[in-house]
PDB file of N, CA and C in Angstrom:
ATOM      1  N   MET A   1       0.837  -1.185   0.000  1.00  0.00           N
ATOM      2  CA  MET A   1       0.000   0.000   0.000  1.00  0.00           C
ATOM      3  C   MET A   1       0.880   1.245   0.000  1.00  0.00           C
ATOM      4  N   GLN A   2       0.553   2.189  -0.862  1.00  0.00           N
ATOM      5  CA  GLN A   2       1.327   3.420  -0.938  1.00  0.00           C
ATOM      6  C   GLN A   2       0.913   4.378   0.161  1.00  0.00           C
ATOM      7  N   SER A   3       1.873   5.133   0.642  1.00  0.00           N
ATOM      8  CA  SER A   3       1.541   6.155   1.625  1.00  0.00           C
ATOM      9  C   SER A   3       1.223   7.459   0.897  1.00  0.00           C
ATOM     10  N   ILE A   4       0.259   8.192   1.407  1.00  0.00           N
ATOM     11  CA  ILE A   4      -0.144   9.462   0.812  1.00  0.00           C
ATOM     12  C   ILE A   4       0.634  10.571   1.505  1.00  0.00           C
ATOM     13  N   PRO A   5       1.337  11.426   0.747  1.00  0.00           N
ATOM     14  CA  PRO A   5       2.098  12.503   1.377  1.00  0.00           C
ATOM     15  C   PRO A   5       1.169  13.491   2.080  1.00  0.00           C
ATOM     16  N   LEU A   6       1.606  13.971   3.214  1.00  0.00           N
ATOM     17  CA  LEU A   6       0.795  14.882   4.015  1.00  0.00           C
ATOM     18  C   LEU A   6       0.963  16.335   3.598  1.00  0.00           C
ATOM     19  N   HIS A   7       2.075  16.675   2.989  1.00  0.00           N
ATOM     20  CA  HIS A   7       2.322  18.065   2.618  1.00  0.00           C
ATOM     21  C   HIS A   7       2.007  18.265   1.138  1.00  0.00           C
ATOM     22  N   PRO A   8       1.322  19.358   0.774  1.00  0.00           N
ATOM     23  CA  PRO A   8       0.965  19.589  -0.626  1.00  0.00           C
ATOM     24  C   PRO A   8       2.157  19.689  -1.559  1.00  0.00           C
ATOM     25  N   GLU A   9       3.331  20.067  -1.043  1.00  0.00           N
ATOM     26  CA  GLU A   9       4.511  20.181  -1.897  1.00  0.00           C
ATOM     27  C   GLU A   9       4.936  18.820  -2.428  1.00  0.00           C
ATOM     28  N   ASP A  10       4.602  17.742  -1.706  1.00  0.00           N
ATOM     29  CA  ASP A  10       5.022  16.402  -2.096  1.00  0.00           C
ATOM     30  C   ASP A  10       4.024  15.716  -3.028  1.00  0.00           C
ATOM     31  N   TRP A  11       2.890  16.341  -3.302  1.00  0.00           N
ATOM     32  CA  TRP A  11       1.864  15.719  -4.133  1.00  0.00           C
ATOM     33  C   TRP A  11       2.258  15.783  -5.590  1.00  0.00           C
ATOM     34  N   GLU A  12       1.826  14.783  -6.333  1.00  0.00           N
ATOM     35  CA  GLU A  12       2.033  14.770  -7.775  1.00  0.00           C
ATOM     36  C   GLU A  12       0.675  14.797  -8.456  1.00  0.00           C
ATOM     37  N   GLY A  13       0.625  15.370  -9.636  1.00  0.00           N
ATOM     38  CA  GLY A  13      -0.630  15.389 -10.389  1.00  0.00           C
ATOM     39  C   GLY A  13      -1.334  16.720 -10.283  1.00  0.00           C
ATOM     40  N   ASN A  14      -2.530  16.756 -10.833  1.00  0.00           N
ATOM     41  CA  ASN A  14      -3.323  17.969 -10.888  1.00  0.00           C
ATOM     42  C   ASN A  14      -4.499  17.870  -9.937  1.00  0.00           C
ATOM     43  N   GLY A  15      -4.920  19.006  -9.454  1.00  0.00           N
ATOM     44  CA  GLY A  15      -6.122  19.074  -8.644  1.00  0.00           C
ATOM     45  C   GLY A  15      -7.253  19.658  -9.465  1.00  0.00           C
ATOM     46  N   ILE A  16      -8.472  19.240  -9.171  1.00  0.00           N
ATOM     47  CA  ILE A  16      -9.640  19.730  -9.900  1.00  0.00           C
ATOM     48  C   ILE A  16     -10.587  20.374  -8.907  1.00  0.00           C
ATOM     49  N   ASP A  17     -11.044  21.577  -9.246  1.00  0.00           N
ATOM     50  CA  ASP A  17     -12.024  22.286  -8.441  1.00  0.00           C
ATOM     51  C   ASP A  17     -13.326  22.343  -9.219  1.00  0.00           C
ATOM     52  N   LEU A  18     -14.355  21.680  -8.716  1.00  0.00           N
ATOM     53  CA  LEU A  18     -15.664  21.727  -9.356  1.00  0.00           C
ATOM     54  C   LEU A  18     -16.404  22.924  -8.783  1.00  0.00           C
ATOM     55  N   GLY A  19     -16.845  23.830  -9.651  1.00  0.00           N
ATOM     56  CA  GLY A  19     -17.409  25.070  -9.146  1.00  0.00           C
ATOM     57  C   GLY A  19     -18.706  25.468  -9.807  1.00  0.00           C
ATOM     58  N   ILE A  20     -19.093  26.720  -9.541  1.00  0.00           N
ATOM     59  CA  ILE A  20     -20.351  27.249 -10.052  1.00  0.00           C
ATOM     60  C   ILE A  20     -20.116  28.066 -11.321  1.00  0.00           C
ATOM     61  N   GLU A  21     -19.108  28.909 -11.323  1.00  0.00           N
ATOM     62  CA  GLU A  21     -18.849  29.762 -12.488  1.00  0.00           C
ATOM     63  C   GLU A  21     -18.421  28.936 -13.692  1.00  0.00           C
ATOM     64  N   CYS A  22     -17.510  28.019 -13.515  1.00  0.00           N
ATOM     65  CA  CYS A  22     -17.135  27.097 -14.578  1.00  0.00           C
ATOM     66  C   CYS A  22     -17.304  25.687 -14.020  1.00  0.00           C
ATOM     67  N   PHE A  23     -17.459  24.715 -14.927  1.00  0.00           N
ATOM     68  CA  PHE A  23     -17.713  23.351 -14.478  1.00  0.00           C
ATOM     69  C   PHE A  23     -16.547  22.802 -13.671  1.00  0.00           C
ATOM     70  N   ALA A  24     -15.337  22.975 -14.195  1.00  0.00           N
ATOM     71  CA  ALA A  24     -14.154  22.479 -13.497  1.00  0.00           C
ATOM     72  C   ALA A  24     -12.975  23.385 -13.813  1.00  0.00           C
ATOM     73  N   ALA A  25     -12.145  23.588 -12.811  1.00  0.00           N
ATOM     74  CA  ALA A  25     -10.904  24.338 -12.989  1.00  0.00           C
ATOM     75  C   ALA A  25      -9.769  23.432 -12.518  1.00  0.00           C
ATOM     76  N   VAL A  26      -8.808  23.206 -13.400  1.00  0.00           N
ATOM     77  CA  VAL A  26      -7.682  22.328 -13.100  1.00  0.00           C
ATOM     78  C   VAL A  26      -6.537  23.186 -12.606  1.00  0.00           C
ATOM     79  N   SER A  27      -5.700  22.606 -11.748  1.00  0.00           N
ATOM     80  CA  SER A  27      -4.618  23.376 -11.150  1.00  0.00           C
ATOM     81  C   SER A  27      -3.573  23.829 -12.170  1.00  0.00           C
ATOM     82  N   ASN A  28      -3.551  23.244 -13.364  1.00  0.00           N
ATOM     83  CA  ASN A  28      -2.598  23.701 -14.377  1.00  0.00           C
ATOM     84  C   ASN A  28      -3.138  24.886 -15.179  1.00  0.00           C
ATOM     85  N   GLY A  29      -4.321  25.400 -14.807  1.00  0.00           N
ATOM     86  CA  GLY A  29      -4.882  26.587 -15.438  1.00  0.00           C
ATOM     87  C   GLY A  29      -5.985  26.316 -16.444  1.00  0.00           C
ATOM     88  N   GLU A  30      -6.221  25.078 -16.767  1.00  0.00           N
ATOM     89  CA  GLU A  30      -7.268  24.748 -17.740  1.00  0.00           C
ATOM     90  C   GLU A  30      -8.639  24.878 -17.092  1.00  0.00           C
ATOM     91  N   ARG A  31      -9.596  25.424 -17.855  1.00  0.00           N
ATOM     92  CA  ARG A  31     -10.969  25.579 -17.372  1.00  0.00           C
ATOM     93  C   ARG A  31     -11.915  24.847 -18.313  1.00  0.00           C
ATOM     94  N   VAL A  32     -12.878  24.137 -17.742  1.00  0.00           N
ATOM     95  CA  VAL A  32     -13.902  23.448 -18.508  1.00  0.00           C
ATOM     96  C   VAL A  32     -15.207  24.175 -18.239  1.00  0.00           C
ATOM     97  N   GLU A  33     -15.793  24.745 -19.282  1.00  0.00           N
ATOM     98  CA  GLU A  33     -17.007  25.530 -19.101  1.00  0.00           C
ATOM     99  C   GLU A  33     -18.229  24.628 -18.945  1.00  0.00           C
ATOM    100  N   ASN A  34     -19.241  25.170 -18.303  1.00  0.00           N
ATOM    101  CA  ASN A  34     -20.500  24.473 -18.092  1.00  0.00           C
ATOM    102  C   ASN A  34     -21.271  24.445 -19.410  1.00  0.00           C
ATOM    103  N   PRO A  35     -21.780  23.283 -19.856  1.00  0.00           N
ATOM    104  CA  PRO A  35     -22.447  23.227 -21.154  1.00  0.00           C
ATOM    105  C   PRO A  35     -23.858  23.811 -21.167  1.00  0.00           C
ATOM    106  N   LYS A  36     -24.492  23.997 -20.021  1.00  0.00           N
ATOM    107  CA  LYS A  36     -25.818  24.602 -19.912  1.00  0.00           C
ATOM    108  C   LYS A  36     -26.849  23.885 -20.781  1.00  0.00           C
ATOM    109  N   HIS A  37     -27.101  22.629 -20.443  1.00  0.00           N
ATOM    110  CA  HIS A  37     -28.028  21.798 -21.206  1.00  0.00           C
ATOM    111  C   HIS A  37     -29.441  22.374 -21.198  1.00  0.00           C
ATOM    112  N   TYR A  38     -29.892  22.871 -20.059  1.00  0.00           N
ATOM    113  CA  TYR A  38     -31.259  23.381 -19.964  1.00  0.00           C
ATOM    114  C   TYR A  38     -31.451  24.607 -20.841  1.00  0.00           C
ATOM    115  N   ARG A  39     -30.488  25.521 -20.812  1.00  0.00           N
ATOM    116  CA  ARG A  39     -30.603  26.738 -21.625  1.00  0.00           C
ATOM    117  C   ARG A  39     -30.603  26.407 -23.111  1.00  0.00           C
ATOM    118  N   ALA A  40     -29.856  25.401 -23.507  1.00  0.00           N
ATOM    119  CA  ALA A  40     -29.795  25.033 -24.914  1.00  0.00           C
ATOM    120  C   ALA A  40     -31.121  24.448 -25.406  1.00  0.00           C
ATOM    121  N   ALA A  41     -31.837  23.744 -24.539  1.00  0.00           N
ATOM    122  CA  ALA A  41     -33.085  23.089 -24.940  1.00  0.00           C
ATOM    123  C   ALA A  41     -34.321  23.873 -24.520  1.00  0.00           C
ATOM    124  N   GLU A  42     -34.133  25.067 -24.011  1.00  0.00           N
ATOM    125  CA  GLU A  42     -35.249  25.844 -23.483  1.00  0.00           C
ATOM    126  C   GLU A  42     -36.299  26.173 -24.544  1.00  0.00           C
ATOM    127  N   SER A  43     -35.889  26.483 -25.761  1.00  0.00           N
ATOM    128  CA  SER A  43     -36.861  26.829 -26.796  1.00  0.00           C
ATOM    129  C   SER A  43     -37.700  25.609 -27.187  1.00  0.00           C
ATOM    130  N   GLN A  44     -37.085  24.424 -27.228  1.00  0.00           N
ATOM    131  CA  GLN A  44     -37.848  23.210 -27.530  1.00  0.00           C
ATOM    132  C   GLN A  44     -38.853  22.906 -26.425  1.00  0.00           C
ATOM    133  N   LEU A  45     -38.428  23.105 -25.176  1.00  0.00           N
ATOM    134  CA  LEU A  45     -39.332  22.875 -24.047  1.00  0.00           C
ATOM    135  C   LEU A  45     -40.499  23.856 -24.084  1.00  0.00           C
ATOM    136  N   LYS A  46     -40.201  25.092 -24.433  1.00  0.00           N
ATOM    137  CA  LYS A  46     -41.243  26.115 -24.486  1.00  0.00           C
ATOM    138  C   LYS A  46     -42.297  25.767 -25.527  1.00  0.00           C
ATOM    139  N   ARG A  47     -41.831  25.311 -26.675  1.00  0.00           N
ATOM    140  CA  ARG A  47     -42.755  24.952 -27.742  1.00  0.00           C
ATOM    141  C   ARG A  47     -43.615  23.744 -27.350  1.00  0.00           C
ATOM    142  N   ALA A  48     -43.003  22.738 -26.747  1.00  0.00           N
ATOM    143  CA  ALA A  48     -43.755  21.545 -26.334  1.00  0.00           C
ATOM    144  C   ALA A  48     -44.753  21.888 -25.233  1.00  0.00           C
ATOM    145  N   GLN A  49     -44.379  22.786 -24.321  1.00  0.00           N
ATOM    146  CA  GLN A  49     -45.288  23.177 -23.247  1.00  0.00           C
ATOM    147  C   GLN A  49     -46.482  23.957 -23.796  1.00  0.00           C
ATOM    148  N   ARG A  50     -46.250  24.808 -24.796  1.00  0.00           N
ATOM    149  CA  ARG A  50     -47.362  25.531 -25.425  1.00  0.00           C
ATOM    150  C   ARG A  50     -48.332  24.569 -26.100  1.00  0.00           C
ATOM    151  N   THR A  51     -47.792  23.516 -26.722  1.00  0.00           N
ATOM    152  CA  THR A  51     -48.644  22.525 -27.368  1.00  0.00           C
ATOM    153  C   THR A  51     -49.527  21.833 -26.338  1.00  0.00           C
ATOM    154  N   VAL A  52     -48.968  21.483 -25.198  1.00  0.00           N
ATOM    155  CA  VAL A  52     -49.758  20.842 -24.138  1.00  0.00           C
ATOM    156  C   VAL A  52     -50.820  21.811 -23.627  1.00  0.00           C
ATOM    157  N   ALA A  53     -50.468  23.068 -23.485  1.00  0.00           N
ATOM    158  CA  ALA A  53     -51.404  24.047 -22.933  1.00  0.00           C
ATOM    159  C   ALA A  53     -52.582  24.300 -23.873  1.00  0.00           C
ATOM    160  N   ARG A  54     -52.371  24.149 -25.181  1.00  0.00           N
ATOM    161  CA  ARG A  54     -53.460  24.355 -26.136  1.00  0.00           C
ATOM    162  C   ARG A  54     -54.449  23.200 -26.165  1.00  0.00           C
ATOM    163  N   ARG A  55     -54.057  22.054 -25.707  1.00  0.00           N
ATOM    164  CA  ARG A  55     -54.951  20.884 -25.698  1.00  0.00           C
ATOM    165  C   ARG A  55     -55.839  20.957 -24.465  1.00  0.00           C
ATOM    166  N   LYS A  56     -57.073  21.394 -24.640  1.00  0.00           N
ATOM    167  CA  LYS A  56     -57.958  21.668 -23.504  1.00  0.00           C
ATOM    168  C   LYS A  56     -58.603  20.414 -22.918  1.00  0.00           C
ATOM    169  N   ASN A  57     -58.935  19.449 -23.760  1.00  0.00           N
ATOM    170  CA  ASN A  57     -59.565  18.234 -23.261  1.00  0.00           C
ATOM    171  C   ASN A  57     -58.480  17.334 -22.671  1.00  0.00           C
ATOM    172  N   LYS A  58     -58.499  17.157 -21.374  1.00  0.00           N
ATOM    173  CA  LYS A  58     -57.399  16.479 -20.697  1.00  0.00           C
ATOM    174  C   LYS A  58     -57.350  14.981 -20.957  1.00  0.00           C
ATOM    175  N   ARG A  59     -58.402  14.406 -21.531  1.00  0.00           N
ATOM    176  CA  ARG A  59     -58.391  12.971 -21.786  1.00  0.00           C
ATOM    177  C   ARG A  59     -58.247  12.644 -23.263  1.00  0.00           C
ATOM    178  N   SER A  60     -57.907  13.607 -24.068  1.00  0.00           N
ATOM    179  CA  SER A  60     -57.799  13.344 -25.511  1.00  0.00           C
ATOM    180  C   SER A  60     -56.443  12.701 -25.830  1.00  0.00           C
ATOM    181  N   ASN A  61     -56.413  11.986 -26.948  1.00  0.00           N
ATOM    182  CA  ASN A  61     -55.172  11.339 -27.378  1.00  0.00           C
ATOM    183  C   ASN A  61     -54.126  12.358 -27.792  1.00  0.00           C
ATOM    184  N   ARG A  62     -54.554  13.455 -28.389  1.00  0.00           N
ATOM    185  CA  ARG A  62     -53.592  14.493 -28.786  1.00  0.00           C
ATOM    186  C   ARG A  62     -52.884  15.093 -27.580  1.00  0.00           C
ATOM    187  N   ARG A  63     -53.629  15.312 -26.503  1.00  0.00           N
ATOM    188  CA  ARG A  63     -53.003  15.857 -25.298  1.00  0.00           C
ATOM    189  C   ARG A  63     -52.030  14.847 -24.693  1.00  0.00           C
ATOM    190  N   ARG A  64     -52.413  13.575 -24.675  1.00  0.00           N
ATOM    191  CA  ARG A  64     -51.513  12.545 -24.144  1.00  0.00           C
ATOM    192  C   ARG A  64     -50.213  12.480 -24.936  1.00  0.00           C
ATOM    193  N   LYS A  65     -50.338  12.560 -26.256  1.00  0.00           N
ATOM    194  CA  LYS A  65     -49.143  12.550 -27.093  1.00  0.00           C
ATOM    195  C   LYS A  65     -48.273  13.775 -26.827  1.00  0.00           C
ATOM    196  N   ALA A  66     -48.904  14.936 -26.667  1.00  0.00           N
ATOM    197  CA  ALA A  66     -48.147  16.167 -26.398  1.00  0.00           C
ATOM    198  C   ALA A  66     -47.450  16.089 -25.042  1.00  0.00           C
ATOM    199  N   VAL A  67     -48.112  15.517 -24.056  1.00  0.00           N
ATOM    200  CA  VAL A  67     -47.508  15.365 -22.730  1.00  0.00           C
ATOM    201  C   VAL A  67     -46.326  14.403 -22.802  1.00  0.00           C
ATOM    202  N   ASN A  68     -46.465  13.324 -23.581  1.00  0.00           N
ATOM    203  CA  ASN A  68     -45.358  12.372 -23.721  1.00  0.00           C
ATOM    204  C   ASN A  68     -44.161  13.004 -24.408  1.00  0.00           C
ATOM    205  N   ILE A  69     -44.400  13.833 -25.416  1.00  0.00           N
ATOM    206  CA  ILE A  69     -43.301  14.522 -26.097  1.00  0.00           C
ATOM    207  C   ILE A  69     -42.586  15.455 -25.129  1.00  0.00           C
ATOM    208  N   LEU A  70     -43.351  16.195 -24.339  1.00  0.00           N
ATOM    209  CA  LEU A  70     -42.752  17.097 -23.349  1.00  0.00           C
ATOM    210  C   LEU A  70     -41.945  16.313 -22.322  1.00  0.00           C
ATOM    211  N   ALA A  71     -42.470  15.193 -21.861  1.00  0.00           N
ATOM    212  CA  ALA A  71     -41.767  14.378 -20.864  1.00  0.00           C
ATOM    213  C   ALA A  71     -40.457  13.834 -21.432  1.00  0.00           C
ATOM    214  N   ARG A  72     -40.472  13.417 -22.698  1.00  0.00           N
ATOM    215  CA  ARG A  72     -39.243  12.906 -23.310  1.00  0.00           C
ATOM    216  C   ARG A  72     -38.188  13.993 -23.455  1.00  0.00           C
ATOM    217  N   LYS A  73     -38.624  15.216 -23.732  1.00  0.00           N
ATOM    218  CA  LYS A  73     -37.660  16.320 -23.821  1.00  0.00           C
ATOM    219  C   LYS A  73     -37.015  16.587 -22.465  1.00  0.00           C
ATOM    220  N   HIS A  74     -37.811  16.527 -21.401  1.00  0.00           N
ATOM    221  CA  HIS A  74     -37.254  16.699 -20.066  1.00  0.00           C
ATOM    222  C   HIS A  74     -36.293  15.556 -19.723  1.00  0.00           C
ATOM    223  N   LEU A  75     -36.647  14.335 -20.088  1.00  0.00           N
ATOM    224  CA  LEU A  75     -35.763  13.198 -19.821  1.00  0.00           C
ATOM    225  C   LEU A  75     -34.461  13.305 -20.603  1.00  0.00           C
ATOM    226  N   HIS A  76     -34.529  13.837 -21.797  1.00  0.00           N
ATOM    227  CA  HIS A  76     -33.317  14.017 -22.592  1.00  0.00           C
ATOM    228  C   HIS A  76     -32.348  14.972 -21.899  1.00  0.00           C
ATOM    229  N   ILE A  77     -32.872  16.051 -21.353  1.00  0.00           N
ATOM    230  CA  ILE A  77     -32.031  17.006 -20.631  1.00  0.00           C
ATOM    231  C   ILE A  77     -31.478  16.358 -19.371  1.00  0.00           C
ATOM    232  N   LYS A  78     -32.324  15.654 -18.651  1.00  0.00           N
ATOM    233  CA  LYS A  78     -31.900  15.007 -17.409  1.00  0.00           C
ATOM    234  C   LYS A  78     -30.807  13.978 -17.670  1.00  0.00           C
ATOM    235  N   GLY A  79     -30.911  13.254 -18.775  1.00  0.00           N
ATOM    236  CA  GLY A  79     -29.917  12.242 -19.090  1.00  0.00           C
ATOM    237  C   GLY A  79     -28.619  12.796 -19.623  1.00  0.00           C
ATOM    238  N   SER A  80     -28.648  13.981 -20.187  1.00  0.00           N
ATOM    239  CA  SER A  80     -27.432  14.540 -20.773  1.00  0.00           C
ATOM    240  C   SER A  80     -26.490  15.130 -19.727  1.00  0.00           C
ATOM    241  N   VAL A  81     -26.999  15.511 -18.577  1.00  0.00           N
ATOM    242  CA  VAL A  81     -26.145  16.106 -17.546  1.00  0.00           C
ATOM    243  C   VAL A  81     -25.166  15.087 -16.965  1.00  0.00           C
ATOM    244  N   PRO A  82     -25.598  13.896 -16.501  1.00  0.00           N
ATOM    245  CA  PRO A  82     -24.620  12.936 -15.987  1.00  0.00           C
ATOM    246  C   PRO A  82     -23.654  12.439 -17.051  1.00  0.00           C
ATOM    247  N   THR A  83     -24.110  12.356 -18.290  1.00  0.00           N
ATOM    248  CA  THR A  83     -23.229  11.923 -19.363  1.00  0.00           C
ATOM    249  C   THR A  83     -22.068  12.895 -19.505  1.00  0.00           C
ATOM    250  N   PHE A  84     -22.368  14.166 -19.449  1.00  0.00           N
ATOM    251  CA  PHE A  84     -21.311  15.171 -19.582  1.00  0.00           C
ATOM    252  C   PHE A  84     -20.337  15.086 -18.425  1.00  0.00           C
ATOM    253  N   THR A  85     -20.856  15.014 -17.206  1.00  0.00           N
ATOM    254  CA  THR A  85     -19.983  15.090 -16.043  1.00  0.00           C
ATOM    255  C   THR A  85     -19.092  13.877 -15.907  1.00  0.00           C
ATOM    256  N   THR A  86     -19.590  12.698 -16.197  1.00  0.00           N
ATOM    257  CA  THR A  86     -18.785  11.514 -15.936  1.00  0.00           C
ATOM    258  C   THR A  86     -17.983  11.058 -17.139  1.00  0.00           C
ATOM    259  N   ARG A  87     -18.593  10.962 -18.276  1.00  0.00           N
ATOM    260  CA  ARG A  87     -17.931  10.325 -19.411  1.00  0.00           C
ATOM    261  C   ARG A  87     -17.029  11.245 -20.200  1.00  0.00           C
ATOM    262  N   ARG A  88     -17.508  12.425 -20.505  1.00  0.00           N
ATOM    263  CA  ARG A  88     -16.803  13.233 -21.497  1.00  0.00           C
ATOM    264  C   ARG A  88     -15.648  14.047 -20.933  1.00  0.00           C
ATOM    265  N   ARG A  89     -15.855  14.690 -19.811  1.00  0.00           N
ATOM    266  CA  ARG A  89     -14.848  15.654 -19.378  1.00  0.00           C
ATOM    267  C   ARG A  89     -13.874  15.108 -18.346  1.00  0.00           C
ATOM    268  N   LEU A  90     -14.374  14.503 -17.293  1.00  0.00           N
ATOM    269  CA  LEU A  90     -13.475  14.096 -16.221  1.00  0.00           C
ATOM    270  C   LEU A  90     -12.626  12.896 -16.594  1.00  0.00           C
ATOM    271  N   MET A  91     -13.057  12.102 -17.558  1.00  0.00           N
ATOM    272  CA  MET A  91     -12.270  10.947 -17.951  1.00  0.00           C
ATOM    273  C   MET A  91     -10.958  11.370 -18.624  1.00  0.00           C
ATOM    274  N   ARG A  92     -10.957  12.507 -19.287  1.00  0.00           N
ATOM    275  CA  ARG A  92      -9.738  12.912 -19.989  1.00  0.00           C
ATOM    276  C   ARG A  92      -8.661  13.420 -19.037  1.00  0.00           C
ATOM    277  N   PHE A  93      -9.017  13.732 -17.800  1.00  0.00           N
ATOM    278  CA  PHE A  93      -8.024  14.201 -16.845  1.00  0.00           C
ATOM    279  C   PHE A  93      -7.285  13.050 -16.182  1.00  0.00           C
ATOM    280  N   ASP A  94      -7.776  11.815 -16.366  1.00  0.00           N
ATOM    281  CA  ASP A  94      -7.181  10.640 -15.756  1.00  0.00           C
ATOM    282  C   ASP A  94      -7.069  10.849 -14.240  1.00  0.00           C
ATOM    283  N   VAL A  95      -8.224  11.075 -13.618  1.00  0.00           N
ATOM    284  CA  VAL A  95      -8.272  11.448 -12.212  1.00  0.00           C
ATOM    285  C   VAL A  95      -8.626  10.235 -11.352  1.00  0.00           C
ATOM    286  N   THR A  96      -7.931  10.114 -10.258  1.00  0.00           N
ATOM    287  CA  THR A  96      -8.287   9.157  -9.234  1.00  0.00           C
ATOM    288  C   THR A  96      -8.693   9.944  -8.010  1.00  0.00           C
ATOM    289  N   ILE A  97      -9.919   9.775  -7.582  1.00  0.00           N
ATOM    290  CA  ILE A  97     -10.396  10.525  -6.428  1.00  0.00           C
ATOM    291  C   ILE A  97     -10.237   9.666  -5.185  1.00  0.00           C
ATOM    292  N   ARG A  98      -9.544  10.199  -4.221  1.00  0.00           N
ATOM    293  CA  ARG A  98      -9.344   9.490  -2.959  1.00  0.00           C
ATOM    294  C   ARG A  98      -9.983  10.294  -1.849  1.00  0.00           C
ATOM    295  N   SER A  99     -10.679   9.619  -0.990  1.00  0.00           N
ATOM    296  CA  SER A  99     -11.234  10.315   0.152  1.00  0.00           C
ATOM    297  C   SER A  99     -10.215  10.287   1.279  1.00  0.00           C
ATOM    298  N   PRO A 100     -10.121  11.375   2.039  1.00  0.00           N
ATOM    299  CA  PRO A 100      -9.132  11.403   3.115  1.00  0.00           C
ATOM    300  C   PRO A 100      -9.521  10.406   4.214  1.00  0.00           C
ATOM    301  N   SER A 101      -8.553   9.691   4.670  1.00  0.00           N
ATOM    302  CA  SER A 101      -8.810   8.720   5.730  1.00  0.00           C
ATOM    303  C   SER A 101      -8.240   9.261   7.038  1.00  0.00           C
ATOM    304  N   LYS A 102      -8.715   8.705   8.118  1.00  0.00           N
ATOM    305  CA  LYS A 102      -8.198   9.123   9.426  1.00  0.00           C
ATOM    306  C   LYS A 102      -6.786   8.615   9.610  1.00  0.00           C
ATOM    307  N   ILE A 103      -5.945   9.476  10.118  1.00  0.00           N
ATOM    308  CA  ILE A 103      -4.541   9.103  10.326  1.00  0.00           C
ATOM    309  C   ILE A 103      -4.293   8.933  11.797  1.00  0.00           C
TER     310      ILE A 103
END
């Protein structure tokens, strides 16, 4: 088992700061911007929501179809966020995250 150095001067590798202004900032100066999935799909969501709002009969097939389209658009946004965070960006840094243990 390797020992973890206690002083930051003895550490090797890069540190990553996950933040609010940018998605990640690496200690070597590289910044990864936030992709803003919701803002990119906002116009599609707006259009689908208007379609649902125009369907007045709540039990009609057209309204059900419009609700399903809106739900799929929301699921697409929800699914794209974890894909970005885990697969695309952090994998290229070759990062091993260790939790501090009691000494």
